[in-house]
Amino acid sequence: MRSATKALVSAALLLCLQGCDYIYNPHLYDDDMHMRAVNKQLHARDLCLSTHVAQLDDGMSDPAGVGLAAANACTEDTNKLINLLVQQDTDSRAAITTAIQKDTLMKATSLVLVQRAVPPKTPKPPAEEPSGMPAQY
């Protein structure tokens, strides 16, 4: 019982201290909100890449070519991601832009390779009843 009370008091104290950190360091909250926006945009870019890779890949073309086409189709989402990242470090715009564009191309190409490695799903045959007749739906 005593250890449970001790743990509860410790948890309450920890929560209070974290709350004080937000009060005395408002930039911490801004950074958290900014990182959420970056993560949301990163997810949007990755979703765009996945969608375009699925549409563009014929299974025969060069994976790098398909990746490049998908990356080019997602330029708007990539630029939004770059702009969010540059907000924190405006002096490094060129380096950030180059790194994110390379990352986008690598991500798109790896999505092509992953898509080709996963076998397509085949539909299951309808379940049969014990009498050998197909099941009624």
Protein backbone atom coordinates (compact mmCIF):
# COMPACT_ATOMS: atom_id res chain seq x y z
CA MET A 1 0.00 0.00 0.00
CA ARG A 2 2.78 2.37 0.91
CA SER A 3 4.65 1.75 -2.37
CA ALA A 4 1.46 2.39 -4.35
CA THR A 5 0.99 5.74 -2.60
CA LYS A 6 4.62 6.59 -3.21
CA ALA A 7 4.26 5.76 -6.91
CA LEU A 8 1.09 7.84 -7.18
CA VAL A 9 2.74 10.85 -5.53
CA SER A 10 5.77 10.48 -7.80
CA ALA A 11 3.56 10.36 -10.89
CA ALA A 12 1.61 13.44 -9.76
CA LEU A 13 4.84 15.33 -9.08
CA LEU A 14 6.19 14.40 -12.48
CA LEU A 15 3.03 15.67 -14.19
CA CYS A 16 3.22 18.94 -12.26
CA LEU A 17 6.83 19.46 -13.23
CA GLN A 18 6.04 18.81 -16.88
CA GLY A 19 3.22 21.35 -16.65
CA CYS A 20 5.64 23.88 -15.16
CA ASP A 21 8.00 23.24 -18.03
CA TYR A 22 5.29 24.33 -20.48
CA ILE A 23 4.61 27.46 -18.43
CA TYR A 24 8.25 28.50 -18.06
CA ASN A 25 9.37 27.36 -21.51
CA PRO A 26 6.67 28.23 -24.06
CA HIS A 27 9.01 27.39 -26.96
CA LEU A 28 8.79 23.77 -25.90
CA TYR A 29 5.07 23.83 -26.76
CA ASP A 30 5.77 25.58 -30.08
CA ASP A 31 8.40 22.97 -30.94
CA ASP A 32 5.94 20.20 -30.12
CA MET A 33 3.27 21.73 -32.35
CA HIS A 34 5.83 22.27 -35.09
CA MET A 35 7.01 18.66 -34.91
CA ARG A 36 3.41 17.46 -35.12
CA ALA A 37 2.95 19.54 -38.26
CA VAL A 38 6.18 18.13 -39.74
CA ASN A 39 5.12 14.56 -38.92
CA LYS A 40 1.67 15.15 -40.42
CA GLN A 41 3.20 16.52 -43.63
CA LEU A 42 5.72 13.68 -43.76
CA HIS A 43 2.82 11.23 -43.55
CA ALA A 44 0.97 13.12 -46.31
CA ARG A 45 4.04 12.98 -48.56
CA ASP A 46 4.50 9.25 -47.91
CA LEU A 47 0.83 8.59 -48.64
CA CYS A 48 1.15 10.52 -51.90
CA LEU A 49 4.21 8.47 -52.85
CA SER A 50 2.45 5.19 -52.04
CA THR A 51 -0.56 6.15 -54.10
CA HIS A 52 1.47 7.20 -57.12
CA VAL A 53 3.80 4.21 -56.96
CA ALA A 54 0.78 1.90 -57.01
CA GLN A 55 -0.62 3.75 -60.04
CA LEU A 56 2.61 4.11 -62.01
CA ASP A 57 4.36 0.78 -61.46
CA ASP A 58 3.76 -1.74 -64.23
CA GLY A 59 6.11 -4.30 -62.68
CA MET A 60 8.49 -4.15 -65.65
CA SER A 61 9.92 -0.61 -65.65
CA ASP A 62 13.10 0.43 -63.89
CA PRO A 63 12.30 0.96 -60.18
CA ALA A 64 14.35 4.18 -60.10
CA GLY A 65 12.36 5.57 -63.03
CA VAL A 66 9.04 4.74 -61.40
CA GLY A 67 10.32 6.23 -58.13
CA LEU A 68 11.34 9.43 -59.91
CA ALA A 69 7.93 9.73 -61.58
CA ALA A 70 6.18 9.23 -58.22
CA ALA A 71 8.49 11.74 -56.52
CA ASN A 72 7.78 14.29 -59.25
CA ALA A 73 4.04 13.72 -58.86
CA CYS A 74 4.35 14.51 -55.14
CA THR A 75 6.33 17.74 -55.52
CA GLU A 76 3.64 19.80 -53.78
CA ASP A 77 3.70 17.64 -50.62
CA THR A 78 7.50 17.54 -50.68
CA ASN A 79 7.72 21.34 -50.92
CA LYS A 80 5.29 21.74 -48.00
CA LEU A 81 7.52 19.46 -45.94
CA ILE A 82 10.62 21.44 -46.91
CA ASN A 83 8.94 24.73 -45.97
CA LEU A 84 7.96 23.38 -42.56
CA LEU A 85 11.51 22.21 -41.88
CA VAL A 86 13.04 25.49 -43.07
CA GLN A 87 10.94 27.44 -40.55
CA GLN A 88 13.26 26.21 -37.80
CA ASP A 89 16.52 26.81 -39.71
CA THR A 90 16.22 29.36 -42.51
CA ASP A 91 19.98 29.49 -43.12
CA SER A 92 20.04 25.85 -44.27
CA ARG A 93 17.32 26.00 -46.93
CA ALA A 94 19.54 24.62 -49.71
CA ALA A 95 20.84 21.73 -47.61
CA ILE A 96 17.37 20.87 -46.29
CA THR A 97 15.86 21.01 -49.79
CA THR A 98 18.53 18.71 -51.22
CA ALA A 99 18.23 16.24 -48.35
CA ILE A 100 14.41 16.06 -48.47
CA GLN A 101 14.37 15.68 -52.25
CA LYS A 102 16.88 12.82 -52.04
CA ASP A 103 14.85 11.26 -49.22
CA THR A 104 11.66 11.52 -51.29
CA LEU A 105 13.29 9.82 -54.27
CA MET A 106 14.77 7.05 -52.10
CA LYS A 107 11.44 6.52 -50.34
CA ALA A 108 9.56 6.30 -53.65
CA THR A 109 12.07 3.86 -55.13
CA SER A 110 12.01 1.68 -52.02
CA LEU A 111 8.19 1.65 -52.16
CA VAL A 112 8.43 0.34 -55.74
CA LEU A 113 10.77 -2.44 -54.62
CA VAL A 114 8.60 -3.33 -51.62
CA GLN A 115 5.46 -3.40 -53.77
CA ARG A 116 7.15 -5.76 -56.22
CA ALA A 117 8.41 -8.02 -53.43
CA VAL A 118 4.96 -8.54 -51.91
CA PRO A 119 2.99 -11.14 -53.86
CA PRO A 120 -0.44 -10.00 -55.03
CA LYS A 121 -3.40 -11.18 -52.99
CA THR A 122 -5.45 -13.89 -54.60
CA PRO A 123 -9.11 -14.20 -53.68
CA LYS A 124 -10.06 -17.18 -51.56
CA PRO A 125 -12.49 -19.67 -53.08
CA PRO A 126 -15.93 -19.73 -51.44
CA ALA A 127 -16.22 -21.96 -48.42
CA GLU A 128 -17.88 -25.29 -49.05
CA GLU A 129 -20.45 -26.89 -46.82
CA PRO A 130 -19.90 -30.46 -45.59
CA SER A 131 -22.16 -31.80 -48.32
CA GLY A 132 -19.80 -30.50 -50.97
CA MET A 133 -22.16 -27.73 -52.04
CA PRO A 134 -20.99 -24.08 -51.97
CA ALA A 135 -22.09 -22.11 -48.90
CA GLN A 136 -25.19 -19.93 -49.30
CA TYR A 137 -24.78 -16.28 -48.36
